[in-house]
Amino acid sequence: MNVFFGIILILGVFAIYDLIRRVNQNILIQTEEIKKLQEELKLRR
Protein backbone atom coordinates (compact mmCIF):
# COMPACT_ATOMS: atom_id res chain seq x y z
CA MET A 1 0.00 0.00 0.00
CA ASN A 2 2.88 2.35 0.79
CA VAL A 3 4.46 1.69 -2.61
CA PHE A 4 1.13 2.50 -4.27
CA PHE A 5 0.98 5.92 -2.56
CA GLY A 6 4.61 6.55 -3.49
CA ILE A 7 3.90 5.87 -7.14
CA ILE A 8 0.79 8.09 -7.04
CA LEU A 9 2.85 10.88 -5.44
CA ILE A 10 5.61 10.63 -8.05
CA LEU A 11 3.06 10.64 -10.89
CA GLY A 12 1.32 13.66 -9.36
CA VAL A 13 4.58 15.61 -9.07
CA PHE A 14 5.48 14.72 -12.66
CA ALA A 15 2.03 15.77 -13.91
CA ILE A 16 2.32 19.15 -12.15
CA TYR A 17 5.85 19.63 -13.53
CA ASP A 18 4.67 18.79 -17.06
CA LEU A 19 1.71 21.17 -16.76
CA ILE A 20 3.96 24.04 -15.61
CA ARG A 21 6.40 23.29 -18.45
CA ARG A 22 3.62 23.38 -21.05
CA VAL A 23 2.16 26.63 -19.69
CA ASN A 24 5.63 28.20 -19.66
CA GLN A 25 6.25 27.10 -23.26
CA ASN A 26 2.92 28.62 -24.34
CA ILE A 27 3.82 31.89 -22.61
CA LEU A 28 7.17 31.97 -24.44
CA ILE A 29 5.46 31.36 -27.80
CA GLN A 30 2.89 34.09 -27.13
CA THR A 31 5.66 36.51 -26.09
CA GLU A 32 7.41 35.90 -29.42
CA GLU A 33 4.14 36.50 -31.29
CA ILE A 34 3.60 39.78 -29.40
CA LYS A 35 7.14 40.91 -30.29
CA LYS A 36 6.49 40.15 -33.97
CA LEU A 37 3.21 42.08 -33.90
CA GLN A 38 4.89 45.06 -32.21
CA GLU A 39 7.61 45.10 -34.88
CA GLU A 40 4.94 44.91 -37.59
CA LEU A 41 3.09 47.87 -36.07
CA LYS A 42 6.31 49.91 -35.87
CA LEU A 43 7.00 49.27 -39.55
CA ARG A 44 3.50 50.39 -40.58
CA ARG A 45 3.74 53.80 -38.86
PDB file of N, CA and C in Angstrom:
ATOM      1  N   MET A   1       0.834  -1.199   0.000  1.00  0.00           N
ATOM      2  CA  MET A   1       0.000   0.000   0.000  1.00  0.00           C
ATOM      3  C   MET A   1       0.873   1.255   0.000  1.00  0.00           C
ATOM      4  N   ASN A   2       1.973   1.202   0.737  1.00  0.00           N
ATOM      5  CA  ASN A   2       2.881   2.346   0.789  1.00  0.00           C
ATOM      6  C   ASN A   2       3.500   2.626  -0.577  1.00  0.00           C
ATOM      7  N   VAL A   3       3.866   1.553  -1.279  1.00  0.00           N
ATOM      8  CA  VAL A   3       4.458   1.693  -2.609  1.00  0.00           C
ATOM      9  C   VAL A   3       3.450   2.339  -3.553  1.00  0.00           C
ATOM     10  N   PHE A   4       2.196   1.947  -3.431  1.00  0.00           N
ATOM     11  CA  PHE A   4       1.134   2.504  -4.270  1.00  0.00           C
ATOM     12  C   PHE A   4       1.048   4.020  -4.090  1.00  0.00           C
ATOM     13  N   PHE A   5       1.053   4.480  -2.823  1.00  0.00           N
ATOM     14  CA  PHE A   5       0.982   5.916  -2.563  1.00  0.00           C
ATOM     15  C   PHE A   5       2.236   6.628  -3.062  1.00  0.00           C
ATOM     16  N   GLY A   6       3.371   5.965  -2.970  1.00  0.00           N
ATOM     17  CA  GLY A   6       4.611   6.548  -3.486  1.00  0.00           C
ATOM     18  C   GLY A   6       4.547   6.756  -4.985  1.00  0.00           C
ATOM     19  N   ILE A   7       4.027   5.758  -5.687  1.00  0.00           N
ATOM     20  CA  ILE A   7       3.896   5.867  -7.144  1.00  0.00           C
ATOM     21  C   ILE A   7       2.912   6.975  -7.505  1.00  0.00           C
ATOM     22  N   ILE A   8       1.792   7.040  -6.796  1.00  0.00           N
ATOM     23  CA  ILE A   8       0.793   8.091  -7.045  1.00  0.00           C
ATOM     24  C   ILE A   8       1.418   9.466  -6.820  1.00  0.00           C
ATOM     25  N   LEU A   9       2.203   9.608  -5.752  1.00  0.00           N
ATOM     26  CA  LEU A   9       2.848  10.884  -5.440  1.00  0.00           C
ATOM     27  C   LEU A   9       3.818  11.286  -6.541  1.00  0.00           C
ATOM     28  N   ILE A  10       4.642  10.350  -6.991  1.00  0.00           N
ATOM     29  CA  ILE A  10       5.611  10.633  -8.053  1.00  0.00           C
ATOM     30  C   ILE A  10       4.888  11.027  -9.339  1.00  0.00           C
ATOM     31  N   LEU A  11       3.828  10.305  -9.691  1.00  0.00           N
ATOM     32  CA  LEU A  11       3.059  10.639 -10.893  1.00  0.00           C
ATOM     33  C   LEU A  11       2.414  12.019 -10.771  1.00  0.00           C
ATOM     34  N   GLY A  12       1.929  12.349  -9.586  1.00  0.00           N
ATOM     35  CA  GLY A  12       1.323  13.664  -9.358  1.00  0.00           C
ATOM     36  C   GLY A  12       2.336  14.779  -9.523  1.00  0.00           C
ATOM     37  N   VAL A  13       3.516  14.601  -8.948  1.00  0.00           N
ATOM     38  CA  VAL A  13       4.577  15.607  -9.070  1.00  0.00           C
ATOM     39  C   VAL A  13       4.975  15.764 -10.533  1.00  0.00           C
ATOM     40  N   PHE A  14       5.120  14.652 -11.240  1.00  0.00           N
ATOM     41  CA  PHE A  14       5.485  14.719 -12.657  1.00  0.00           C
ATOM     42  C   PHE A  14       4.405  15.421 -13.472  1.00  0.00           C
ATOM     43  N   ALA A  15       3.133  15.141 -13.178  1.00  0.00           N
ATOM     44  CA  ALA A  15       2.030  15.774 -13.907  1.00  0.00           C
ATOM     45  C   ALA A  15       2.034  17.281 -13.688  1.00  0.00           C
ATOM     46  N   ILE A  16       2.267  17.713 -12.450  1.00  0.00           N
ATOM     47  CA  ILE A  16       2.323  19.145 -12.148  1.00  0.00           C
ATOM     48  C   ILE A  16       3.511  19.786 -12.863  1.00  0.00           C
ATOM     49  N   TYR A  17       4.668  19.125 -12.841  1.00  0.00           N
ATOM     50  CA  TYR A  17       5.853  19.628 -13.533  1.00  0.00           C
ATOM     51  C   TYR A  17       5.582  19.775 -15.030  1.00  0.00           C
ATOM     52  N   ASP A  18       4.961  18.772 -15.628  1.00  0.00           N
ATOM     53  CA  ASP A  18       4.669  18.792 -17.061  1.00  0.00           C
ATOM     54  C   ASP A  18       3.687  19.910 -17.396  1.00  0.00           C
ATOM     55  N   LEU A  19       2.682  20.107 -16.545  1.00  0.00           N
ATOM     56  CA  LEU A  19       1.707  21.175 -16.758  1.00  0.00           C
ATOM     57  C   LEU A  19       2.388  22.542 -16.720  1.00  0.00           C
ATOM     58  N   ILE A  20       3.250  22.766 -15.721  1.00  0.00           N
ATOM     59  CA  ILE A  20       3.963  24.041 -15.614  1.00  0.00           C
ATOM     60  C   ILE A  20       4.856  24.253 -16.825  1.00  0.00           C
ATOM     61  N   ARG A  21       5.521  23.190 -17.282  1.00  0.00           N
ATOM     62  CA  ARG A  21       6.403  23.294 -18.449  1.00  0.00           C
ATOM     63  C   ARG A  21       5.617  23.676 -19.698  1.00  0.00           C
ATOM     64  N   ARG A  22       4.451  23.069 -19.876  1.00  0.00           N
ATOM     65  CA  ARG A  22       3.616  23.381 -21.048  1.00  0.00           C
ATOM     66  C   ARG A  22       3.119  24.815 -21.009  1.00  0.00           C
ATOM     67  N   VAL A  23       2.655  25.258 -19.830  1.00  0.00           N
ATOM     68  CA  VAL A  23       2.163  26.633 -19.694  1.00  0.00           C
ATOM     69  C   VAL A  23       3.292  27.611 -19.977  1.00  0.00           C
ATOM     70  N   ASN A  24       4.477  27.337 -19.449  1.00  0.00           N
ATOM     71  CA  ASN A  24       5.630  28.200 -19.662  1.00  0.00           C
ATOM     72  C   ASN A  24       5.982  28.259 -21.145  1.00  0.00           C
ATOM     73  N   GLN A  25       5.947  27.134 -21.826  1.00  0.00           N
ATOM     74  CA  GLN A  25       6.246  27.095 -23.260  1.00  0.00           C
ATOM     75  C   GLN A  25       5.232  27.930 -24.036  1.00  0.00           C
ATOM     76  N   ASN A  26       3.953  27.822 -23.672  1.00  0.00           N
ATOM     77  CA  ASN A  26       2.920  28.616 -24.345  1.00  0.00           C
ATOM     78  C   ASN A  26       3.141  30.103 -24.122  1.00  0.00           C
ATOM     79  N   ILE A  27       3.546  30.487 -22.911  1.00  0.00           N
ATOM     80  CA  ILE A  27       3.817  31.893 -22.614  1.00  0.00           C
ATOM     81  C   ILE A  27       4.980  32.387 -23.472  1.00  0.00           C
ATOM     82  N   LEU A  28       6.030  31.576 -23.616  1.00  0.00           N
ATOM     83  CA  LEU A  28       7.170  31.968 -24.441  1.00  0.00           C
ATOM     84  C   LEU A  28       6.756  32.153 -25.893  1.00  0.00           C
ATOM     85  N   ILE A  29       5.933  31.258 -26.410  1.00  0.00           N
ATOM     86  CA  ILE A  29       5.463  31.361 -27.797  1.00  0.00           C
ATOM     87  C   ILE A  29       4.626  32.626 -27.970  1.00  0.00           C
ATOM     88  N   GLN A  30       3.737  32.904 -27.037  1.00  0.00           N
ATOM     89  CA  GLN A  30       2.893  34.094 -27.128  1.00  0.00           C
ATOM     90  C   GLN A  30       3.729  35.360 -27.030  1.00  0.00           C
ATOM     91  N   THR A  31       4.771  35.353 -26.205  1.00  0.00           N
ATOM     92  CA  THR A  31       5.655  36.510 -26.089  1.00  0.00           C
ATOM     93  C   THR A  31       6.338  36.784 -27.423  1.00  0.00           C
ATOM     94  N   GLU A  32       6.793  35.736 -28.102  1.00  0.00           N
ATOM     95  CA  GLU A  32       7.412  35.900 -29.422  1.00  0.00           C
ATOM     96  C   GLU A  32       6.407  36.471 -30.419  1.00  0.00           C
ATOM     97  N   GLU A  33       5.171  35.995 -30.383  1.00  0.00           N
ATOM     98  CA  GLU A  33       4.137  36.504 -31.293  1.00  0.00           C
ATOM     99  C   GLU A  33       3.879  37.985 -31.029  1.00  0.00           C
ATOM    100  N   ILE A  34       3.824  38.376 -29.757  1.00  0.00           N
ATOM    101  CA  ILE A  34       3.599  39.779 -29.401  1.00  0.00           C
ATOM    102  C   ILE A  34       4.749  40.638 -29.919  1.00  0.00           C
ATOM    103  N   LYS A  35       5.982  40.168 -29.781  1.00  0.00           N
ATOM    104  CA  LYS A  35       7.138  40.915 -30.291  1.00  0.00           C
ATOM    105  C   LYS A  35       7.034  41.104 -31.796  1.00  0.00           C
ATOM    106  N   LYS A  36       6.636  40.054 -32.518  1.00  0.00           N
ATOM    107  CA  LYS A  36       6.486  40.148 -33.973  1.00  0.00           C
ATOM    108  C   LYS A  36       5.416  41.166 -34.334  1.00  0.00           C
ATOM    109  N   LEU A  37       4.292  41.140 -33.620  1.00  0.00           N
ATOM    110  CA  LEU A  37       3.210  42.085 -33.897  1.00  0.00           C
ATOM    111  C   LEU A  37       3.644  43.515 -33.603  1.00  0.00           C
ATOM    112  N   GLN A  38       4.406  43.721 -32.533  1.00  0.00           N
ATOM    113  CA  GLN A  38       4.894  45.058 -32.211  1.00  0.00           C
ATOM    114  C   GLN A  38       5.823  45.571 -33.301  1.00  0.00           C
ATOM    115  N   GLU A  39       6.708  44.709 -33.796  1.00  0.00           N
ATOM    116  CA  GLU A  39       7.611  45.102 -34.880  1.00  0.00           C
ATOM    117  C   GLU A  39       6.812  45.449 -36.135  1.00  0.00           C
ATOM    118  N   GLU A  40       5.787  44.661 -36.422  1.00  0.00           N
ATOM    119  CA  GLU A  40       4.941  44.915 -37.592  1.00  0.00           C
ATOM    120  C   GLU A  40       4.259  46.272 -37.476  1.00  0.00           C
ATOM    121  N   LEU A  41       3.756  46.585 -36.284  1.00  0.00           N
ATOM    122  CA  LEU A  41       3.090  47.871 -36.075  1.00  0.00           C
ATOM    123  C   LEU A  41       4.075  49.027 -36.210  1.00  0.00           C
ATOM    124  N   LYS A  42       5.293  48.855 -35.739  1.00  0.00           N
ATOM    125  CA  LYS A  42       6.310  49.909 -35.867  1.00  0.00           C
ATOM    126  C   LYS A  42       6.632  50.171 -37.329  1.00  0.00           C
ATOM    127  N   LEU A  43       6.681  49.117 -38.136  1.00  0.00           N
ATOM    128  CA  LEU A  43       7.001  49.268 -39.554  1.00  0.00           C
ATOM    129  C   LEU A  43       5.876  49.966 -40.313  1.00  0.00           C
ATOM    130  N   ARG A  44       4.643  49.803 -39.878  1.00  0.00           N
ATOM    131  CA  ARG A  44       3.499  50.394 -40.580  1.00  0.00           C
ATOM    132  C   ARG A  44       3.343  51.876 -40.300  1.00  0.00           C
ATOM    133  N   ARG A  45       3.914  52.380 -39.221  1.00  0.00           N
ATOM    134  CA  ARG A  45       3.744  53.797 -38.857  1.00  0.00           C
ATOM    135  C   ARG A  45       4.476  54.712 -39.779  1.00  0.00           C
TER     136      ARG A  45
END
